[in-house]
Protein backbone atom coordinates (compact mmCIF):
# COMPACT_ATOMS: atom_id res chain seq x y z
CA UNK A 1 6.32 -46.36 2.96
CA UNK A 2 7.56 -45.83 6.49
CA UNK A 3 11.07 -45.21 5.16
CA UNK A 4 9.80 -42.66 2.63
CA UNK A 5 7.76 -40.95 5.33
CA UNK A 6 10.79 -40.78 7.63
CA UNK A 7 12.88 -39.37 4.78
CA UNK A 8 10.28 -36.68 4.10
CA UNK A 9 10.14 -35.72 7.78
CA UNK A 10 13.94 -35.46 7.87
CA UNK A 11 13.94 -33.27 4.75
CA UNK A 12 11.31 -30.98 6.22
CA UNK A 13 13.25 -30.78 9.48
CA UNK A 14 16.43 -29.81 7.62
CA UNK A 15 14.51 -27.24 5.57
CA UNK A 16 12.94 -25.76 8.71
CA UNK A 17 16.34 -25.61 10.41
CA UNK A 18 17.87 -23.87 7.39
CA UNK A 19 15.05 -21.33 7.31
CA UNK A 20 15.53 -20.64 11.02
CA UNK A 21 19.25 -20.10 10.45
CA UNK A 22 18.57 -17.76 7.52
CA UNK A 23 16.09 -15.78 9.63
CA UNK A 24 18.66 -14.98 12.33
CA UNK A 25 20.06 -11.84 10.65
CA UNK A 26 16.56 -10.44 10.16
CA UNK A 27 15.63 -11.24 13.78
CA UNK A 28 18.80 -9.60 15.08
CA UNK A 29 18.20 -6.54 12.91
CA UNK A 30 14.64 -6.29 14.22
CA UNK A 31 15.89 -6.57 17.82
CA UNK A 32 18.49 -3.87 17.11
CA UNK A 33 15.76 -1.52 15.85
CA UNK A 34 13.14 -2.28 18.49
CA UNK A 35 14.99 -3.13 21.73
CA UNK A 36 16.96 -0.48 23.58
CA UNK A 37 18.16 -3.10 26.07
CA UNK A 38 19.50 -5.40 23.35
CA UNK A 39 21.18 -2.51 21.54
CA UNK A 40 22.85 -1.16 24.68
CA UNK A 41 24.04 -4.59 25.88
CA UNK A 42 25.39 -5.44 22.43
CA UNK A 43 27.27 -2.14 22.19
CA UNK A 44 28.57 -2.54 25.75
CA UNK A 45 29.74 -6.11 25.14
CA UNK A 46 31.37 -5.17 21.83
CA UNK A 47 33.28 -2.22 23.25
CA UNK A 48 34.23 -4.19 26.37
CA UNK A 49 35.43 -7.11 24.26
CA UNK A 50 37.53 -4.78 22.10
CA UNK A 51 39.02 -3.07 25.17
CA UNK A 52 39.73 -6.37 26.94
CA UNK A 53 41.26 -7.85 23.77
CA UNK A 54 43.57 -4.88 23.35
CA UNK A 55 44.53 -5.02 27.03
CA UNK A 56 45.15 -8.79 26.94
CA UNK A 57 47.23 -8.58 23.77
CA UNK A 58 49.29 -5.74 25.19
CA UNK A 59 49.79 -7.54 28.51
CA UNK A 60 50.68 -10.80 26.72
CA UNK A 61 53.28 -9.05 24.58
CA UNK A 62 54.68 -7.20 27.56
CA UNK A 63 54.88 -10.38 29.65
CA UNK A 64 56.39 -12.29 26.75
CA UNK A 65 59.06 -9.64 26.24
CA UNK A 66 59.76 -9.34 29.96
CA UNK A 67 59.94 -13.11 30.35
CA UNK A 68 62.46 -13.39 27.50
CA UNK A 69 64.57 -10.52 28.79
CA UNK A 70 64.55 -11.96 32.30
CA UNK A 71 65.52 -15.44 31.08
CA UNK A 72 68.24 -13.99 28.84
CA UNK A 73 69.75 -12.04 31.71
CA UNK A 74 69.79 -15.20 33.81
CA UNK A 75 71.50 -17.11 31.00
CA UNK A 76 74.15 -14.43 30.51
CA UNK A 77 74.92 -14.32 34.22
CA UNK A 78 75.12 -18.11 34.37
CA UNK A 79 77.38 -18.23 31.29
CA UNK A 80 79.64 -15.51 32.70
CA UNK A 81 79.98 -17.34 36.00
CA UNK A 82 80.79 -20.66 34.27
CA UNK A 83 83.34 -18.95 31.97
CA UNK A 84 85.08 -17.22 34.85
CA UNK A 85 85.22 -20.48 36.81
CA UNK A 86 86.68 -22.27 33.82
CA UNK A 87 89.27 -19.54 33.29
CA UNK A 88 90.22 -19.72 36.98
CA UNK A 89 90.75 -23.46 36.65
CA UNK A 90 92.96 -22.88 33.62
CA UNK A 91 95.00 -20.12 35.25
CA UNK A 92 95.70 -22.16 38.40
CA UNK A 93 97.20 -25.12 36.54
CA UNK A 94 100.93 -25.58 35.69
CA UNK A 95 101.13 -27.65 32.56
CA UNK A 96 104.73 -26.86 31.42
CA UNK A 97 103.98 -27.89 27.85
CA UNK A 98 102.95 -31.43 28.71
CA UNK A 99 100.23 -32.72 26.41
CA UNK A 100 98.84 -35.07 29.03
CA UNK A 101 98.60 -32.33 31.61
CA UNK A 102 96.84 -30.08 29.08
CA UNK A 103 94.31 -32.84 28.34
CA UNK A 104 93.75 -33.38 32.06
CA UNK A 105 93.29 -29.62 32.42
CA UNK A 106 90.58 -29.59 29.74
CA UNK A 107 88.88 -32.47 31.55
CA UNK A 108 88.80 -30.38 34.74
CA UNK A 109 87.37 -27.47 32.70
CA UNK A 110 84.62 -29.74 31.47
CA UNK A 111 83.80 -30.73 35.04
CA UNK A 112 83.82 -27.10 36.07
CA UNK A 113 81.37 -26.18 33.29
CA UNK A 114 79.04 -28.97 34.37
CA UNK A 115 79.14 -27.80 38.00
CA UNK A 116 78.97 -24.05 37.46
CA UNK A 117 76.61 -23.85 34.46
CA UNK A 118 72.96 -24.76 34.01
CA UNK A 119 73.70 -25.68 30.41
CA UNK A 120 73.98 -29.30 29.32
CA UNK A 121 75.43 -28.49 25.91
CA UNK A 122 78.68 -26.64 25.25
CA UNK A 123 81.51 -26.50 22.72
CA UNK A 124 85.16 -25.34 22.65
CA UNK A 125 86.89 -24.34 19.37
CA UNK A 126 90.59 -23.51 18.82
CA UNK A 127 91.51 -19.96 17.74
CA UNK A 128 94.75 -19.47 15.90
CA UNK A 129 97.25 -21.69 14.02
CA UNK A 130 97.69 -25.42 14.56
CA UNK A 131 99.75 -26.53 17.57
CA UNK A 132 100.88 -30.06 18.47
CA UNK A 133 100.11 -29.63 22.15
CA UNK A 134 96.80 -27.77 21.63
CA UNK A 135 93.69 -29.76 22.63
CA UNK A 136 91.23 -30.61 19.84
CA UNK A 137 87.83 -28.94 19.44
CA UNK A 138 85.30 -30.36 21.88
CA UNK A 139 81.42 -30.35 21.56
CA UNK A 140 78.84 -32.22 23.61
CA UNK A 141 76.60 -32.40 20.51
CA UNK A 142 78.02 -32.54 16.94
CA UNK A 143 75.02 -30.52 15.69
CA UNK A 144 75.94 -27.64 17.98
CA UNK A 145 78.74 -26.49 15.68
CA UNK A 146 76.23 -26.25 12.82
CA UNK A 147 73.80 -24.21 14.89
CA UNK A 148 76.38 -21.56 15.82
CA UNK A 149 76.32 -18.93 13.08
CA UNK A 150 79.49 -17.54 11.50
CA UNK A 151 78.56 -14.07 12.63
CA UNK A 152 78.54 -15.13 16.28
CA UNK A 153 81.87 -16.95 15.95
CA UNK A 154 83.46 -13.96 14.26
CA UNK A 155 82.28 -11.65 17.02
CA UNK A 156 83.68 -13.95 19.70
CA UNK A 157 87.04 -14.25 17.92
CA UNK A 158 87.41 -10.49 17.46
CA UNK A 159 86.58 -9.47 21.04
CA UNK A 160 88.07 -11.55 23.87
CA UNK A 161 86.69 -9.29 26.61
CA UNK A 162 82.93 -9.54 26.02
CA UNK A 163 80.37 -12.25 25.71
CA UNK A 164 77.91 -12.53 22.85
CA UNK A 165 74.59 -14.32 22.57
CA UNK A 166 72.17 -15.40 19.90
CA UNK A 167 68.62 -16.85 19.86
CA UNK A 168 68.55 -20.22 18.13
CA UNK A 169 66.39 -23.31 17.74
CA UNK A 170 68.03 -26.17 19.60
CA UNK A 171 67.40 -29.75 18.47
CA UNK A 172 65.06 -31.84 20.59
CA UNK A 173 63.78 -35.37 20.50
CA UNK A 174 61.66 -36.69 17.63
CA UNK A 175 63.34 -34.34 15.16
CA UNK A 176 61.84 -31.34 16.87
CA UNK A 177 63.34 -28.10 18.08
CA UNK A 178 63.00 -25.93 21.15
CA UNK A 179 63.85 -22.24 21.59
CA UNK A 180 67.24 -21.57 23.09
CA UNK A 181 70.14 -19.16 23.53
CA UNK A 182 73.82 -19.70 22.71
CA UNK A 183 76.32 -17.59 24.65
CA UNK A 184 79.87 -17.28 23.36
CA UNK A 185 83.08 -15.96 24.97
CA UNK A 186 86.82 -16.57 24.81
CA UNK A 187 88.90 -18.54 27.32
CA UNK A 188 92.72 -18.73 27.35
CA UNK A 189 94.49 -22.11 27.73
CA UNK A 190 98.03 -21.74 29.21
CA UNK A 191 100.89 -22.28 26.72
CA UNK A 192 98.30 -22.99 23.96
CA UNK A 193 96.30 -19.83 23.33
CA UNK A 194 92.66 -18.63 23.11
CA UNK A 195 89.63 -20.86 22.55
CA UNK A 196 85.98 -20.13 21.74
CA UNK A 197 83.61 -21.30 24.47
CA UNK A 198 79.90 -21.64 23.64
CA UNK A 199 77.16 -22.58 26.11
CA UNK A 200 73.68 -23.54 24.85
CA UNK A 201 70.67 -22.96 27.11
CA UNK A 202 67.30 -24.58 26.62
CA UNK A 203 64.32 -22.17 26.96
CA UNK A 204 61.60 -24.80 26.59
CA UNK A 205 60.06 -23.85 29.93
CA UNK A 206 59.48 -20.25 28.77
CA UNK A 207 56.75 -21.09 26.19
CA UNK A 208 54.97 -23.20 28.78
CA UNK A 209 55.03 -20.33 31.21
CA UNK A 210 53.97 -17.93 28.48
CA UNK A 211 51.14 -20.26 27.41
CA UNK A 212 49.91 -20.44 30.98
CA UNK A 213 49.99 -16.64 31.22
CA UNK A 214 48.13 -16.29 27.89
CA UNK A 215 45.42 -18.76 28.83
CA UNK A 216 45.01 -17.06 32.21
CA UNK A 217 44.71 -13.67 30.54
CA UNK A 218 42.10 -14.85 28.04
CA UNK A 219 40.06 -16.69 30.66
CA UNK A 220 40.09 -13.61 32.87
CA UNK A 221 39.26 -11.39 29.88
CA UNK A 222 36.30 -13.52 28.77
CA UNK A 223 35.08 -13.73 32.35
CA UNK A 224 35.38 -9.96 32.63
CA UNK A 225 33.37 -9.42 29.43
CA UNK A 226 30.63 -11.78 30.65
CA UNK A 227 30.62 -10.14 34.07
CA UNK A 228 30.33 -6.65 32.56
CA UNK A 229 27.57 -7.93 30.25
CA UNK A 230 25.66 -9.34 33.23
CA UNK A 231 26.09 -6.09 35.16
CA UNK A 232 24.98 -4.06 32.12
CA UNK A 233 21.92 -6.31 31.67
CA UNK A 234 20.96 -5.95 35.33
CA UNK A 235 21.40 -2.18 35.31
CA UNK A 236 19.61 -1.76 31.99
CA UNK A 237 16.77 -3.99 33.13
CA UNK A 238 16.19 -1.78 36.13
CA UNK A 239 16.24 1.31 33.88
CA UNK A 240 14.57 0.12 30.69
CA UNK A 241 11.76 -1.78 32.37
CA UNK A 242 10.05 1.44 33.54
CA UNK A 243 10.75 2.97 30.13
CA UNK A 244 9.12 -0.05 28.43
CA UNK A 245 6.13 0.23 30.75
CA UNK A 246 5.86 3.92 29.89
CA UNK A 247 6.02 3.13 26.16
CA UNK A 248 3.32 0.43 26.45
CA UNK A 249 1.13 2.64 28.58
CA UNK A 250 1.46 5.60 26.21
CA UNK A 251 0.61 3.31 23.27
CA UNK A 252 -2.54 2.10 25.04
CA UNK A 253 -3.38 5.70 25.93
CA UNK A 254 -2.99 6.70 22.28
CA UNK A 255 -5.23 3.76 21.28
CA UNK A 256 -8.05 5.18 23.39
CA UNK A 257 -7.64 3.34 26.72
CA UNK A 258 -7.75 6.47 28.82
CA UNK A 259 -7.82 4.64 32.16
CA UNK A 260 -4.32 3.14 31.98
CA UNK A 261 -1.65 4.50 34.34
CA UNK A 262 2.00 3.85 35.11
CA UNK A 263 2.93 2.01 38.32
CA UNK A 264 5.02 4.29 40.54
CA UNK A 265 7.76 2.76 42.71
CA UNK A 266 10.11 4.68 44.97
CA UNK A 267 11.01 8.35 44.86
CA UNK A 268 13.79 8.50 42.25
CA UNK A 269 13.74 10.20 38.84
CA UNK A 270 11.81 7.33 37.23
CA UNK A 271 9.16 7.58 39.93
CA UNK A 272 8.92 11.33 39.29
CA UNK A 273 8.53 10.60 35.59
CA UNK A 274 5.75 8.09 36.36
CA UNK A 275 3.86 10.56 38.53
CA UNK A 276 4.19 13.28 35.90
CA UNK A 277 3.00 10.88 33.20
CA UNK A 278 -0.02 9.85 35.28
CA UNK A 279 -0.87 13.48 35.94
CA UNK A 280 -0.67 14.20 32.21
CA UNK A 281 -2.88 11.16 31.48
CA UNK A 282 -5.44 12.38 34.04
CA UNK A 283 -5.49 15.80 32.39
CA UNK A 284 -5.84 14.32 28.89
CA UNK A 285 -8.63 11.98 30.01
CA UNK A 286 -10.50 14.84 31.63
CA UNK A 287 -10.18 17.08 28.58
CA UNK A 288 -11.14 14.32 26.14
CA UNK A 289 -14.22 13.48 28.20
CA UNK A 290 -15.19 17.14 28.28
CA UNK A 291 -14.71 17.44 24.52
CA UNK A 292 -16.65 14.22 23.93
CA UNK A 293 -19.52 15.45 26.08
CA UNK A 294 -19.45 18.83 24.33
CA UNK A 295 -19.40 17.13 20.92
CA UNK A 296 -22.29 14.90 21.94
CA UNK A 297 -24.24 17.93 23.13
CA UNK A 298 -23.53 19.69 19.83
CA UNK A 299 -24.58 16.65 17.81
CA UNK A 300 -27.80 16.31 19.79
CA UNK A 301 -28.44 20.02 19.45
CA UNK A 302 -27.97 19.97 15.68
CA UNK A 303 -30.07 16.83 15.33
CA UNK A 304 -32.83 18.09 17.63
CA UNK A 305 -32.94 21.53 16.03
CA UNK A 306 -32.99 20.02 12.55
CA UNK A 307 -35.84 17.69 13.47
CA UNK A 308 -37.77 20.42 15.25
CA UNK A 309 -37.37 22.80 12.30
CA UNK A 310 -38.65 20.32 9.74
CA UNK A 311 -42.31 20.68 10.76
CA UNK A 312 -42.48 24.51 10.64
CA UNK A 313 -40.26 24.48 7.56
CA UNK A 314 -42.67 22.15 5.79
CA UNK A 315 -45.50 24.53 6.57
CA UNK A 316 -43.47 27.51 5.37
CA UNK A 317 -42.50 25.57 2.23
CA UNK A 318 -46.17 24.86 1.38
CA UNK A 319 -47.09 28.49 1.96
CA UNK A 320 -44.12 29.69 -0.12
CA UNK A 321 -45.08 27.34 -2.96
CA UNK A 322 -48.65 28.65 -2.94
CA UNK A 323 -47.49 32.24 -2.95
CA UNK A 324 -44.95 31.53 -5.67
CA UNK A 325 -47.59 29.83 -7.83
CA UNK A 326 -49.76 32.99 -7.67
CA UNK A 327 -46.93 35.51 -8.17
CA UNK A 328 -48.27 36.44 -11.61
CA UNK A 329 -51.19 38.18 -9.88
CA UNK A 330 -48.88 40.29 -7.71
CA UNK A 331 -47.13 43.51 -8.39
CA UNK A 332 -43.57 43.10 -9.81
CA UNK A 333 -41.84 43.84 -6.49
CA UNK A 334 -44.12 41.44 -4.61
CA UNK A 335 -43.69 38.75 -7.28
CA UNK A 336 -39.90 39.06 -7.04
CA UNK A 337 -40.12 38.79 -3.27
CA UNK A 338 -42.21 35.61 -3.67
CA UNK A 339 -39.56 34.11 -5.96
CA UNK A 340 -36.77 34.96 -3.52
CA UNK A 341 -38.77 33.56 -0.62
CA UNK A 342 -39.39 30.29 -2.45
CA UNK A 343 -35.69 29.95 -3.44
CA UNK A 344 -34.43 30.62 0.08
CA UNK A 345 -36.96 28.22 1.61
CA UNK A 346 -35.69 25.52 -0.77
CA UNK A 347 -32.11 26.32 0.25
CA UNK A 348 -33.10 26.24 3.91
CA UNK A 349 -34.68 22.82 3.39
CA UNK A 350 -31.50 21.55 1.69
CA UNK A 351 -29.44 22.90 4.57
CA UNK A 352 -31.60 21.08 7.10
CA UNK A 353 -31.29 17.87 5.10
CA UNK A 354 -27.50 18.20 5.02
CA UNK A 355 -27.38 18.97 8.74
CA UNK A 356 -29.39 15.85 9.50
CA UNK A 357 -27.06 13.81 7.29
CA UNK A 358 -24.01 15.25 9.05
CA UNK A 359 -25.53 14.45 12.45
CA UNK A 360 -26.06 10.85 11.33
CA UNK A 361 -22.39 10.61 10.31
CA UNK A 362 -21.30 12.05 13.65
CA UNK A 363 -23.52 9.60 15.51
CA UNK A 364 -22.25 6.67 13.41
CA UNK A 365 -25.76 5.61 12.46
CA UNK A 366 -25.37 5.73 8.66
CA UNK A 367 -26.07 2.44 6.86
CA UNK A 368 -25.34 1.65 3.22
CA UNK A 369 -27.94 0.15 0.92
CA UNK A 370 -25.73 -1.73 -1.51
CA UNK A 371 -26.77 -2.90 -4.94
CA UNK A 372 -24.84 -3.72 -8.14
CA UNK A 373 -24.45 -0.47 -10.09
CA UNK A 374 -22.50 0.58 -13.16
CA UNK A 375 -20.54 3.69 -12.30
CA UNK A 376 -20.31 4.72 -15.97
CA UNK A 377 -24.09 4.50 -16.38
CA UNK A 378 -24.60 6.38 -13.12
CA UNK A 379 -22.28 9.16 -14.32
CA UNK A 380 -24.22 9.47 -17.61
CA UNK A 381 -27.50 9.74 -15.73
CA UNK A 382 -26.12 12.50 -13.47
CA UNK A 383 -24.72 14.40 -16.45
CA UNK A 384 -28.06 14.17 -18.26
CA UNK A 385 -29.90 15.46 -15.20
CA UNK A 386 -27.61 18.51 -15.00
CA UNK A 387 -27.65 19.49 -18.68
CA UNK A 388 -29.94 22.47 -18.02
CA UNK A 389 -27.65 23.81 -15.29
CA UNK A 390 -24.63 23.40 -17.59
CA UNK A 391 -26.43 25.30 -20.36
CA UNK A 392 -27.19 28.15 -17.97
CA UNK A 393 -23.45 28.53 -17.28
CA UNK A 394 -22.43 27.99 -20.91
CA UNK A 395 -20.48 24.86 -20.00
CA UNK A 396 -20.00 21.75 -22.12
CA UNK A 397 -19.85 18.55 -20.02
CA UNK A 398 -18.06 15.64 -21.67
CA UNK A 399 -17.69 12.03 -20.60
CA UNK A 400 -14.58 9.88 -21.07
CA UNK A 401 -15.29 6.32 -19.97
CA UNK A 402 -12.75 3.66 -20.95
CA UNK A 403 -13.94 1.53 -18.02
CA UNK A 404 -16.38 1.33 -15.13
CA UNK A 405 -19.26 -0.40 -16.97
CA UNK A 406 -19.38 -3.65 -14.99
CA UNK A 407 -21.63 -3.46 -11.90
CA UNK A 408 -20.02 -2.89 -8.51
CA UNK A 409 -21.75 -3.10 -5.13
CA UNK A 410 -22.39 0.45 -3.93
CA UNK A 411 -25.10 2.67 -2.53
CA UNK A 412 -26.26 4.35 -5.77
CA UNK A 413 -28.16 7.13 -3.98
CA UNK A 414 -25.08 8.25 -2.06
CA UNK A 415 -22.67 7.87 -4.98
CA UNK A 416 -25.09 9.78 -7.22
CA UNK A 417 -25.21 12.53 -4.60
CA UNK A 418 -21.39 12.70 -4.57
CA UNK A 419 -21.16 12.92 -8.35
CA UNK A 420 -23.92 15.57 -8.49
CA UNK A 421 -22.09 17.63 -5.89
CA UNK A 422 -18.74 17.38 -7.70
CA UNK A 423 -20.26 18.16 -11.07
CA UNK A 424 -22.30 21.05 -9.65
CA UNK A 425 -19.20 22.61 -8.09
CA UNK A 426 -17.30 22.17 -11.38
CA UNK A 427 -20.08 23.87 -13.32
CA UNK A 428 -20.29 26.73 -10.84
CA UNK A 429 -16.53 27.35 -10.68
CA UNK A 430 -15.56 26.21 -14.21
CA UNK A 431 -15.72 29.71 -15.70
CA UNK A 432 -17.78 28.39 -18.60
CA UNK A 433 -14.99 26.13 -19.86
CA UNK A 434 -15.59 22.46 -20.76
CA UNK A 435 -15.78 19.91 -17.95
CA UNK A 436 -14.47 16.38 -18.43
CA UNK A 437 -15.97 13.51 -16.43
CA UNK A 438 -13.71 10.43 -16.55
CA UNK A 439 -14.75 6.91 -15.48
CA UNK A 440 -12.25 4.07 -15.36
CA UNK A 441 -11.62 0.83 -13.50
CA UNK A 442 -9.17 -1.96 -12.84
CA UNK A 443 -9.29 -5.27 -10.99
CA UNK A 444 -9.32 -3.63 -7.55
CA UNK A 445 -11.31 -0.42 -7.87
CA UNK A 446 -13.55 1.83 -9.96
CA UNK A 447 -13.13 5.59 -10.08
CA UNK A 448 -14.75 8.71 -11.44
CA UNK A 449 -12.97 12.02 -11.91
CA UNK A 450 -14.53 15.44 -12.46
CA UNK A 451 -12.08 17.87 -14.08
CA UNK A 452 -12.77 21.56 -14.66
CA UNK A 453 -10.50 24.21 -16.17
CA UNK A 454 -11.56 27.13 -14.01
CA UNK A 455 -9.47 29.35 -11.77
CA UNK A 456 -8.39 26.51 -9.48
CA UNK A 457 -7.24 26.76 -5.87
CA UNK A 458 -4.00 27.09 -3.94
CA UNK A 459 -2.51 24.11 -2.11
CA UNK A 460 -3.69 25.57 1.22
CA UNK A 461 -7.25 25.91 -0.06
CA UNK A 462 -7.18 22.37 -1.47
CA UNK A 463 -6.29 21.01 1.98
CA UNK A 464 -9.36 22.68 3.53
CA UNK A 465 -11.83 22.05 0.75
CA UNK A 466 -13.56 19.24 2.70
CA UNK A 467 -14.03 21.31 5.86
CA UNK A 468 -17.61 22.08 6.86
CA UNK A 469 -18.96 25.49 5.79
CA UNK A 470 -15.57 26.44 4.34
CA UNK A 471 -15.33 28.42 1.10
CA UNK A 472 -12.20 29.13 -0.93
CA UNK A 473 -13.44 32.65 -1.75
CA UNK A 474 -15.98 34.00 0.77
CA UNK A 475 -16.70 36.97 -1.49
CA UNK A 476 -17.77 34.73 -4.40
CA UNK A 477 -21.53 34.55 -4.87
CA UNK A 478 -23.18 31.15 -4.82
CA UNK A 479 -25.19 30.66 -8.00
CA UNK A 480 -26.41 27.16 -7.17
CA UNK A 481 -27.22 27.81 -3.54
CA UNK A 482 -25.01 25.23 -1.85
CA UNK A 483 -24.92 24.78 1.93
CA UNK A 484 -21.16 24.42 2.39
CA UNK A 485 -21.61 20.83 3.59
CA UNK A 486 -21.67 19.04 0.24
CA UNK A 487 -17.98 18.10 0.00
CA UNK A 488 -17.87 17.09 3.67
CA UNK A 489 -20.83 14.77 3.12
CA UNK A 490 -19.25 13.49 -0.11
CA UNK A 491 -16.06 12.62 1.77
CA UNK A 492 -18.12 10.79 4.38
CA UNK A 493 -19.95 8.82 1.66
CA UNK A 494 -16.62 7.84 0.07
CA UNK A 495 -15.16 6.64 3.35
CA UNK A 496 -18.37 4.82 4.20
CA UNK A 497 -17.84 2.75 1.04
CA UNK A 498 -14.22 2.06 2.04
CA UNK A 499 -13.00 4.36 -0.74
CA UNK A 500 -11.45 7.80 -0.93
CA UNK A 501 -12.16 11.23 -2.39
CA UNK A 502 -9.01 13.02 -3.57
CA UNK A 503 -8.58 16.51 -4.94
CA UNK A 504 -5.96 18.21 -7.09
CA UNK A 505 -6.06 21.91 -7.87
CA UNK A 506 -3.72 24.55 -9.18
CA UNK A 507 -4.28 28.21 -9.84
CA UNK A 508 -4.82 28.82 -13.53
CA UNK A 509 -5.17 25.09 -14.38
CA UNK A 510 -8.43 24.16 -12.70
CA UNK A 511 -9.48 21.44 -10.28
CA UNK A 512 -9.82 17.67 -10.43
CA UNK A 513 -11.83 15.59 -7.93
CA UNK A 514 -11.44 11.78 -8.05
CA UNK A 515 -13.81 9.40 -6.26
CA UNK A 516 -12.42 5.87 -5.94
CA UNK A 517 -14.45 2.89 -4.69
CA UNK A 518 -13.19 -0.67 -4.04
CA UNK A 519 -14.73 -3.48 -6.06
CA UNK A 520 -15.11 -5.63 -2.95
CA UNK A 521 -16.22 -4.68 0.53
CA UNK A 522 -13.45 -3.36 2.73
CA UNK A 523 -10.73 -0.75 2.66
CA UNK A 524 -9.21 0.47 -0.58
CA UNK A 525 -5.75 -1.10 -0.81
CA UNK A 526 -4.64 -0.23 -4.35
CA UNK A 527 -4.05 3.06 -6.13
CA UNK A 528 -6.86 4.71 -8.02
CA UNK A 529 -7.32 3.92 -11.74
CA UNK A 530 -7.54 7.69 -12.25
CA UNK A 531 -4.68 9.78 -10.82
CA UNK A 532 -5.72 12.86 -8.89
CA UNK A 533 -3.01 14.91 -10.59
CA UNK A 534 -3.89 14.92 -14.30
CA UNK A 535 -0.41 16.11 -15.25
CA UNK A 536 0.00 17.14 -18.91
CA UNK A 537 -2.76 14.82 -20.11
CA UNK A 538 -4.30 15.10 -23.55
CA UNK A 539 -7.66 15.95 -22.04
CA UNK A 540 -6.27 19.39 -21.24
CA UNK A 541 -6.60 20.15 -24.92
CA UNK A 542 -10.37 19.73 -24.73
CA UNK A 543 -10.77 23.50 -24.36
CA UNK A 544 -9.43 23.92 -27.88
CA UNK A 545 -11.93 21.52 -29.49
CA UNK A 546 -14.85 23.93 -29.49
CA UNK A 547 -18.41 23.27 -28.45
CA UNK A 548 -19.42 21.89 -31.87
CA UNK A 549 -17.12 18.86 -31.64
CA UNK A 550 -17.97 15.62 -29.92
CA UNK A 551 -15.76 13.54 -27.65
CA UNK A 552 -16.40 9.84 -27.92
CA UNK A 553 -14.76 6.98 -26.07
CA UNK A 554 -14.16 3.65 -27.76
CA UNK A 555 -14.22 0.34 -25.92
CA UNK A 556 -10.43 0.26 -26.13
CA UNK A 557 -10.21 3.48 -24.18
CA UNK A 558 -8.94 5.63 -27.06
CA UNK A 559 -10.32 9.13 -27.62
CA UNK A 560 -11.71 10.32 -30.96
CA UNK A 561 -13.03 13.75 -31.96
CA UNK A 562 -15.58 14.14 -34.76
CA UNK A 563 -16.40 17.51 -36.32
CA UNK A 564 -20.16 17.06 -36.09
CA UNK A 565 -22.78 19.09 -34.30
CA UNK A 566 -24.13 17.40 -31.19
CA UNK A 567 -26.39 18.18 -28.27
CA UNK A 568 -24.97 19.35 -24.95
CA UNK A 569 -25.34 15.97 -23.29
CA UNK A 570 -23.11 12.93 -23.72
CA UNK A 571 -24.19 9.89 -25.66
CA UNK A 572 -24.20 6.57 -23.81
CA UNK A 573 -21.02 4.69 -24.60
CA UNK A 574 -20.90 0.97 -25.24
CA UNK A 575 -17.95 -0.93 -23.91
CA UNK A 576 -16.52 -3.21 -21.29
CA UNK A 577 -14.88 -2.34 -17.99
């Protein structure tokens, strides 16, 4: 068991190590995106390394070439000196055709070459026809004759006045080779004729010198890169640290911590930036506090005025109701005035109610009263309650509900108010065309859409439709008597549930509002089951169905039209969400 446990721990350790290795590229990429210091140091080190590498390679090649040229010149001078000394020895001797004297002369030449030349290997080859008194070819190493190329020998034979050289690989111990140079030139033996003289020079010390130079260059280059990296890090740290502090401070300031300030050190440009930033933060804090105080005063004023007006408004409402109930006893003009007074008092009361609701939202004192509610059933109830209003505008309201039947925790009073507001606006601005109310759901959310086929709005108007007291067409008469706060309150109710209220509108195609609520408490994380932009959906053809056809929704979500007369209110659909 202990062995198995140890094996499992080792496997987990290897797996963890492999995951850490695989995460390095992602970590480096994140550092590259987020750290100015890391990015600058990496770029500096990369460019410095490239520059130092190019410089080291160029210097190494230049030193290598110069070292070879210098060594070659030394070899040529040494070979020329040894050749001249040998020729002097030959010219000073009087052999008189004696073979023994000629052999002794060649022995003295050999001694001269050993004394005057730094080469340990040399060879002498006869040029011309055979002669009885001519000395035989001499070579300190039999392999030397094989190393000398025919081209070099031909050049030496053809030109007795100049010396020629060639780079070769000289044999070394253990069947190895070392770089070397062979220098060839003619010498003239008295009473015999010309000979080829070749001197081989070992250049084994040159690679050692060159290797030392290369290693020194690379060590210096790497040290230079590291030194420049350390200098860049130190300089960047002194520059980026204040920048990082400014970024952190600005982030905290944006998050609402208005009291944070930058530490100011010295009198340089960064210190000037810090003082300017702190001055800007002081100004922003002062203005935000003034705006917050002004907003609080406005909220209190609206709330206080609304509360104070409720008592006299209640009295006026009772008096207006009494007068309106007895309008049949008045003259026609007085009766009409009583009706107008009663309608405007009701509108005034609605406005006060909306103002109080807005003040609660501004004060953050709104609380939800959640209970399981079927959004489809709620939509049917709202549609049924507004049938009379739809009939007054000649509008047919139709329900399409492939989902939304299962209960979801919501505040039914607030959601009902949102749906009533959306449906009321659709009826008022629908130009008498049919209105389609769609309810659908998925695993994350439930949604209801209210689609009319009226004049629609421009994109600019659609962006401002939730503003308080804003109207797309100020010249248009309100037939329902809205306060201009309904959509603003509806948006607040949607956000209070963690959902959203979206709008799509286009001139000539109508408007579509979609309310989406999450199934569970919290923010809405998924897309709505009903898209705000209806696109070229089949529901757009509902205007061609006529008011005497019914639109029914099956449990599968399919749509069916039956050519039967029906009332102007939808039938309750049976199905599952």
